[in-house]
Amino acid sequence: MNTIPNITFESSEGATDIEFLSLAEMFSRIKKDPNHNPKQPHRISFFALLIITEGEGEHQVDLTHYSVRKGCVIKIAKGQVHAFQENPNYKGYLVVFTEDFVLRYFSKSSIKVISHLYNYHISSPLVENSTFNDFFLEQLNSELHRENSYAQKEIVAKILELYLLRLERHAHIAPIKNYNKQHQTIFMNFKDLVEKNYTNTRNVKDYADMLFVSTKHLNLVVKEFTFTTAKNFIDNFVILETKRAIVSTDKSLKEIGFAVGFDEVTNFTKFFKKHIGTTPKEFKAAI
């Protein structure tokens, strides 16, 4: 039975936490691996930057197709599902790095900003018209190919850290809102808890209890970051996971409903139709 494949960080060069490669090299490498087709939806367990240097086309992230061209960057967060188009008409580079790499080498203040950049609940994966991609790619390539590798990881991390900060600033024409730090911590922890526990509970009070806050306070925090309620945030994530499964698996709708936390297929169907306007069966037929 097919499911969305989970792709872990693997480097042909022995790297354990960051890799930089051209798309041509990536597709050439994958041709040798019959178990992974990047043109089919797959979930990644690391962070990625797809940087377009020539041509134009599209890239799919969580069932949404984004038009890309020179100057575009697609940022894909750990846990997201994405897919390359068939016969892409663009060239570019892929930078992949792990969460451990960020935590080990980035400054704490940068991590807070970058966590916003990669928070796909409140940030689009597409950044357009970046004018500093070429400079970043040249710096990164130069450092990774130096014979003298002293402090190389630290230098590479700073090059990437600076690029991500510039990317975040470029993505926000208006100044970034100065969020309450305690609220930001609560929201990020809430997001992580939902992603880990949504199959067990969709009850806001359960998550509030896990975070040792009241449901009222949790709702205020979630609204600050997403302009929606905690309940809507949870339900929207369940819908997203359901859509991911429907388009990328041959499981029955009953099996999918059970996998996302519904014991009865009728309840699953009602829940889906309430939020999407169509039944899971109708949604699948329209794909």
Protein backbone atom coordinates (compact mmCIF):
# COMPACT_ATOMS: atom_id res chain seq x y z
CA MET A 1 0.00 0.00 0.00
CA ASN A 2 1.44 3.36 -1.06
CA THR A 3 1.79 6.19 1.44
CA ILE A 4 3.56 9.54 1.40
CA PRO A 5 7.24 8.61 1.62
CA ASN A 6 9.24 10.20 4.42
CA ILE A 7 12.59 11.43 3.15
CA THR A 8 15.39 11.70 5.68
CA PHE A 9 18.63 13.66 5.34
CA GLU A 10 21.15 11.71 3.28
CA SER A 11 24.28 13.07 1.68
CA SER A 12 26.43 11.35 -0.93
CA GLU A 13 29.43 13.25 0.39
CA GLY A 14 29.15 12.08 3.97
CA ALA A 15 27.72 15.33 5.33
CA THR A 16 25.42 14.88 8.29
CA ASP A 17 23.66 18.22 8.60
CA ILE A 18 23.84 20.40 5.46
CA GLU A 19 24.23 19.86 1.73
CA PHE A 20 24.28 22.13 -1.31
CA LEU A 21 23.71 20.75 -4.82
CA SER A 22 22.43 21.75 -8.24
CA LEU A 23 19.04 20.44 -9.35
CA ALA A 24 20.74 18.67 -12.25
CA GLU A 25 22.98 16.82 -9.79
CA MET A 26 20.01 15.98 -7.55
CA PHE A 27 17.94 14.52 -10.39
CA SER A 28 20.96 12.58 -11.64
CA ARG A 29 21.52 11.11 -8.19
CA ILE A 30 17.86 10.20 -7.73
CA LYS A 31 17.77 8.34 -11.04
CA LYS A 32 19.97 5.77 -9.31
CA ASP A 33 17.46 5.39 -6.47
CA PRO A 34 14.30 3.55 -7.61
CA ASN A 35 12.72 4.04 -4.19
CA HIS A 36 12.36 7.81 -4.41
CA ASN A 37 10.57 9.83 -7.09
CA PRO A 38 10.86 13.58 -6.29
CA LYS A 39 8.04 14.31 -8.75
CA GLN A 40 5.63 12.53 -6.44
CA PRO A 41 4.59 14.11 -3.11
CA HIS A 42 7.05 13.29 -0.34
CA ARG A 43 7.49 14.53 3.22
CA ILE A 44 10.89 15.77 4.34
CA SER A 45 12.42 15.51 7.82
CA PHE A 46 14.75 18.48 7.28
CA PHE A 47 14.61 22.05 5.95
CA ALA A 48 15.13 22.95 2.30
CA LEU A 49 15.65 25.96 0.06
CA LEU A 50 14.88 25.65 -3.65
CA ILE A 51 16.58 28.58 -5.39
CA ILE A 52 15.68 29.23 -9.05
CA THR A 53 18.47 30.67 -11.19
CA GLU A 54 17.12 30.22 -14.74
CA GLY A 55 13.84 29.52 -16.52
CA GLU A 56 10.39 29.18 -15.03
CA GLY A 57 7.93 26.51 -13.94
CA GLU A 58 6.10 25.45 -10.80
CA HIS A 59 6.63 23.60 -7.56
CA GLN A 60 4.05 21.92 -5.36
CA VAL A 61 4.07 22.43 -1.58
CA ASP A 62 1.24 20.95 0.48
CA LEU A 63 -1.04 20.53 -2.56
CA THR A 64 -0.60 24.13 -3.71
CA HIS A 65 1.22 24.86 -6.97
CA TYR A 66 3.54 27.87 -6.88
CA SER A 67 4.81 29.52 -10.07
CA VAL A 68 8.58 30.00 -9.94
CA ARG A 69 11.15 31.82 -12.07
CA LYS A 70 14.60 33.36 -11.70
CA GLY A 71 14.82 35.16 -8.37
CA CYS A 72 12.29 32.92 -6.64
CA VAL A 73 12.99 30.88 -3.54
CA ILE A 74 10.80 28.08 -2.22
CA LYS A 75 11.36 27.38 1.48
CA ILE A 76 10.14 23.98 2.62
CA ALA A 77 9.88 23.24 6.33
CA LYS A 78 10.50 19.99 8.13
CA GLY A 79 7.30 17.94 7.94
CA GLN A 80 5.93 19.55 4.80
CA VAL A 81 5.00 17.58 1.68
CA HIS A 82 6.30 18.77 -1.67
CA ALA A 83 6.88 17.58 -5.24
CA PHE A 84 8.84 18.70 -8.29
CA GLN A 85 7.00 19.10 -11.60
CA GLU A 86 7.44 16.70 -14.47
CA ASN A 87 10.20 17.85 -16.85
CA PRO A 88 10.95 21.15 -15.10
CA ASN A 89 11.90 24.06 -17.37
CA TYR A 90 14.05 25.77 -14.79
CA LYS A 91 17.50 25.42 -13.28
CA GLY A 92 18.62 26.09 -9.77
CA TYR A 93 20.03 24.78 -6.54
CA LEU A 94 18.80 22.95 -3.49
CA VAL A 95 20.14 23.67 -0.02
CA VAL A 96 19.07 21.16 2.62
CA PHE A 97 19.90 21.34 6.31
CA THR A 98 18.75 19.74 9.53
CA GLU A 99 17.21 21.23 12.64
CA ASP A 100 20.26 20.10 14.60
CA PHE A 101 22.48 22.18 12.31
CA VAL A 102 20.40 25.30 13.04
CA LEU A 103 20.32 24.72 16.78
CA ARG A 104 24.03 23.99 16.96
CA TYR A 105 25.44 26.80 14.84
CA PHE A 106 22.88 29.65 14.60
CA SER A 107 22.54 32.43 17.17
CA LYS A 108 19.49 32.31 19.44
CA SER A 109 18.15 35.61 18.13
CA SER A 110 18.38 34.39 14.53
CA ILE A 111 16.65 31.13 15.36
CA LYS A 112 13.61 33.09 16.55
CA VAL A 113 13.38 35.01 13.28
CA ILE A 114 14.03 31.93 11.16
CA SER A 115 11.40 29.94 13.04
CA HIS A 116 8.92 32.49 11.69
CA LEU A 117 10.34 32.14 8.17
CA TYR A 118 9.79 28.39 8.22
CA ASN A 119 6.48 28.43 10.11
CA TYR A 120 4.28 27.39 7.19
CA HIS A 121 1.12 28.04 9.20
CA ILE A 122 1.73 31.78 9.02
CA SER A 123 4.26 32.20 6.19
CA SER A 124 4.04 31.44 2.46
CA PRO A 125 6.74 29.08 1.13
CA LEU A 126 7.32 31.32 -1.89
CA VAL A 127 9.62 34.35 -1.81
CA GLU A 128 9.84 36.25 -5.09
CA ASN A 129 12.29 38.70 -6.66
CA SER A 130 15.22 38.04 -4.37
CA THR A 131 18.24 39.99 -5.61
CA PHE A 132 20.84 38.36 -3.37
CA ASN A 133 20.52 34.69 -4.39
CA ASP A 134 23.58 34.70 -6.67
CA PHE A 135 25.80 36.23 -3.99
CA PHE A 136 24.65 33.62 -1.46
CA LEU A 137 25.19 30.72 -3.87
CA GLU A 138 28.68 31.96 -4.78
CA GLN A 139 29.68 32.35 -1.13
CA LEU A 140 28.29 28.95 -0.14
CA ASN A 141 29.88 27.15 -3.09
CA SER A 142 33.23 28.82 -2.51
CA GLU A 143 33.34 27.93 1.18
CA LEU A 144 32.25 24.31 0.68
CA HIS A 145 35.01 23.75 -1.89
CA ARG A 146 37.90 25.30 0.02
CA GLU A 147 40.87 23.04 0.68
CA ASN A 148 41.31 24.59 4.11
CA SER A 149 38.25 23.31 5.97
CA TYR A 150 39.12 24.88 9.33
CA ALA A 151 35.89 26.19 10.99
CA GLN A 152 34.05 25.39 7.78
CA LYS A 153 30.78 24.37 9.44
CA GLU A 154 30.72 27.57 11.49
CA ILE A 155 31.39 29.73 8.42
CA VAL A 156 28.82 27.91 6.29
CA ALA A 157 26.28 28.33 9.09
CA LYS A 158 26.89 32.09 9.22
CA ILE A 159 26.55 32.39 5.43
CA LEU A 160 23.23 30.52 5.57
CA GLU A 161 22.08 32.35 8.69
CA LEU A 162 22.69 35.74 7.08
CA TYR A 163 20.93 34.67 3.88
CA LEU A 164 17.86 33.44 5.76
CA LEU A 165 17.66 36.67 7.74
CA ARG A 166 17.82 38.68 4.51
CA LEU A 167 15.22 36.39 2.98
CA GLU A 168 12.90 36.98 5.93
CA ARG A 169 13.37 40.75 5.70
CA HIS A 170 12.76 40.66 1.93
CA ALA A 171 9.56 38.66 2.44
CA HIS A 172 8.21 41.40 4.73
CA ILE A 173 7.90 44.78 3.05
CA ALA A 174 6.21 46.00 6.22
CA PRO A 175 8.21 45.67 9.46
CA ILE A 176 7.90 42.30 11.17
CA LYS A 177 5.54 42.47 14.09
CA ASN A 178 7.38 42.38 17.39
CA TYR A 179 5.61 39.43 18.97
CA ASN A 180 5.46 38.88 22.71
CA LYS A 181 8.26 36.36 23.37
CA GLN A 182 6.21 34.32 25.83
CA HIS A 183 3.33 34.19 23.38
CA GLN A 184 5.66 33.10 20.60
CA THR A 185 6.96 30.24 22.72
CA ILE A 186 3.41 29.15 23.59
CA PHE A 187 2.35 29.26 19.95
CA MET A 188 5.34 27.28 18.69
CA ASN A 189 4.82 24.67 21.42
CA PHE A 190 1.11 24.51 20.59
CA LYS A 191 1.90 24.00 16.91
CA ASP A 192 4.31 21.17 17.73
CA LEU A 193 1.80 19.52 20.07
CA VAL A 194 -0.94 19.65 17.45
CA GLU A 195 1.32 18.05 14.85
CA LYS A 196 2.19 15.25 17.28
CA ASN A 197 -1.22 14.69 18.89
CA TYR A 198 -3.93 15.65 16.38
CA THR A 199 -4.88 12.01 15.81
CA ASN A 200 -5.61 11.62 19.52
CA THR A 201 -7.41 14.87 20.30
CA ARG A 202 -8.84 17.94 18.58
CA ASN A 203 -9.96 19.42 21.90
CA VAL A 204 -8.54 22.86 22.63
CA LYS A 205 -8.72 22.28 26.38
CA ASP A 206 -6.45 19.24 26.08
CA TYR A 207 -3.77 21.37 24.42
CA ALA A 208 -4.24 24.20 26.89
CA ASP A 209 -3.74 21.71 29.71
CA MET A 210 -0.56 20.39 28.09
CA LEU A 211 0.73 23.96 27.92
CA PHE A 212 -0.45 24.86 31.44
CA VAL A 213 -2.52 27.80 30.20
CA SER A 214 -6.25 28.50 30.04
CA THR A 215 -8.22 27.90 26.85
CA LYS A 216 -8.99 31.63 26.73
CA HIS A 217 -5.29 32.53 26.85
CA LEU A 218 -4.40 29.90 24.26
CA ASN A 219 -7.03 31.32 21.90
CA LEU A 220 -5.64 34.83 22.36
CA VAL A 221 -2.12 33.61 21.56
CA VAL A 222 -3.15 31.62 18.48
CA LYS A 223 -5.19 34.56 17.15
CA GLU A 224 -2.16 36.82 17.56
CA PHE A 225 -0.16 34.63 15.15
CA THR A 226 -2.77 33.18 12.79
CA PHE A 227 -5.85 35.44 13.03
CA THR A 228 -7.94 32.38 13.79
CA THR A 229 -8.98 30.39 16.84
CA ALA A 230 -7.08 27.48 18.36
CA LYS A 231 -9.93 25.17 17.32
CA ASN A 232 -9.74 26.34 13.70
CA PHE A 233 -5.97 25.93 13.74
CA ILE A 234 -6.32 22.31 14.89
CA ASP A 235 -9.09 21.53 12.41
CA ASN A 236 -7.18 23.15 9.54
CA PHE A 237 -4.16 20.99 10.29
CA VAL A 238 -6.31 17.85 10.31
CA ILE A 239 -7.76 18.88 6.94
CA LEU A 240 -4.27 19.48 5.55
CA GLU A 241 -3.08 16.05 6.68
CA THR A 242 -6.23 14.50 5.21
CA LYS A 243 -5.66 16.16 1.83
CA ARG A 244 -2.03 15.08 1.88
CA ALA A 245 -3.12 11.49 2.42
CA ILE A 246 -5.92 11.53 -0.18
CA VAL A 247 -3.68 12.75 -3.00
CA SER A 248 -0.71 10.58 -2.12
CA THR A 249 -2.02 7.18 -1.07
CA ASP A 250 -4.17 4.33 -2.29
CA LYS A 251 -5.64 3.81 1.18
CA SER A 252 -9.41 3.72 1.42
CA LEU A 253 -11.15 6.82 2.77
CA LYS A 254 -12.12 4.80 5.83
CA GLU A 255 -8.44 4.02 6.48
CA ILE A 256 -7.47 7.66 5.95
CA GLY A 257 -10.21 8.80 8.33
CA PHE A 258 -8.97 6.39 10.97
CA ALA A 259 -5.36 7.51 10.41
CA VAL A 260 -6.26 11.16 11.11
CA GLY A 261 -8.24 10.36 14.25
CA PHE A 262 -11.79 9.37 13.29
CA ASP A 263 -13.27 6.05 14.43
CA GLU A 264 -16.38 6.42 12.26
CA VAL A 265 -16.26 7.20 8.54
CA THR A 266 -19.53 9.16 8.79
CA ASN A 267 -17.99 11.56 11.32
CA PHE A 268 -14.91 11.88 9.14
CA THR A 269 -17.05 12.70 6.10
CA LYS A 270 -19.11 15.29 8.00
CA PHE A 271 -15.97 16.93 9.38
CA PHE A 272 -14.33 17.15 5.97
CA LYS A 273 -17.44 18.47 4.20
CA LYS A 274 -18.00 21.08 6.90
CA HIS A 275 -14.56 22.56 6.28
CA ILE A 276 -14.08 21.97 2.56
CA GLY A 277 -17.62 21.97 1.20
CA THR A 278 -17.26 18.59 -0.46
CA THR A 279 -16.98 15.04 0.81
CA PRO A 280 -13.60 13.26 0.84
CA LYS A 281 -14.88 11.07 -2.00
CA GLU A 282 -15.81 14.10 -4.10
CA PHE A 283 -12.48 15.75 -3.31
CA LYS A 284 -10.57 12.66 -4.42
CA ALA A 285 -12.59 12.34 -7.62
CA ALA A 286 -11.81 15.94 -8.55
CA ILE A 287 -8.05 15.53 -8.26
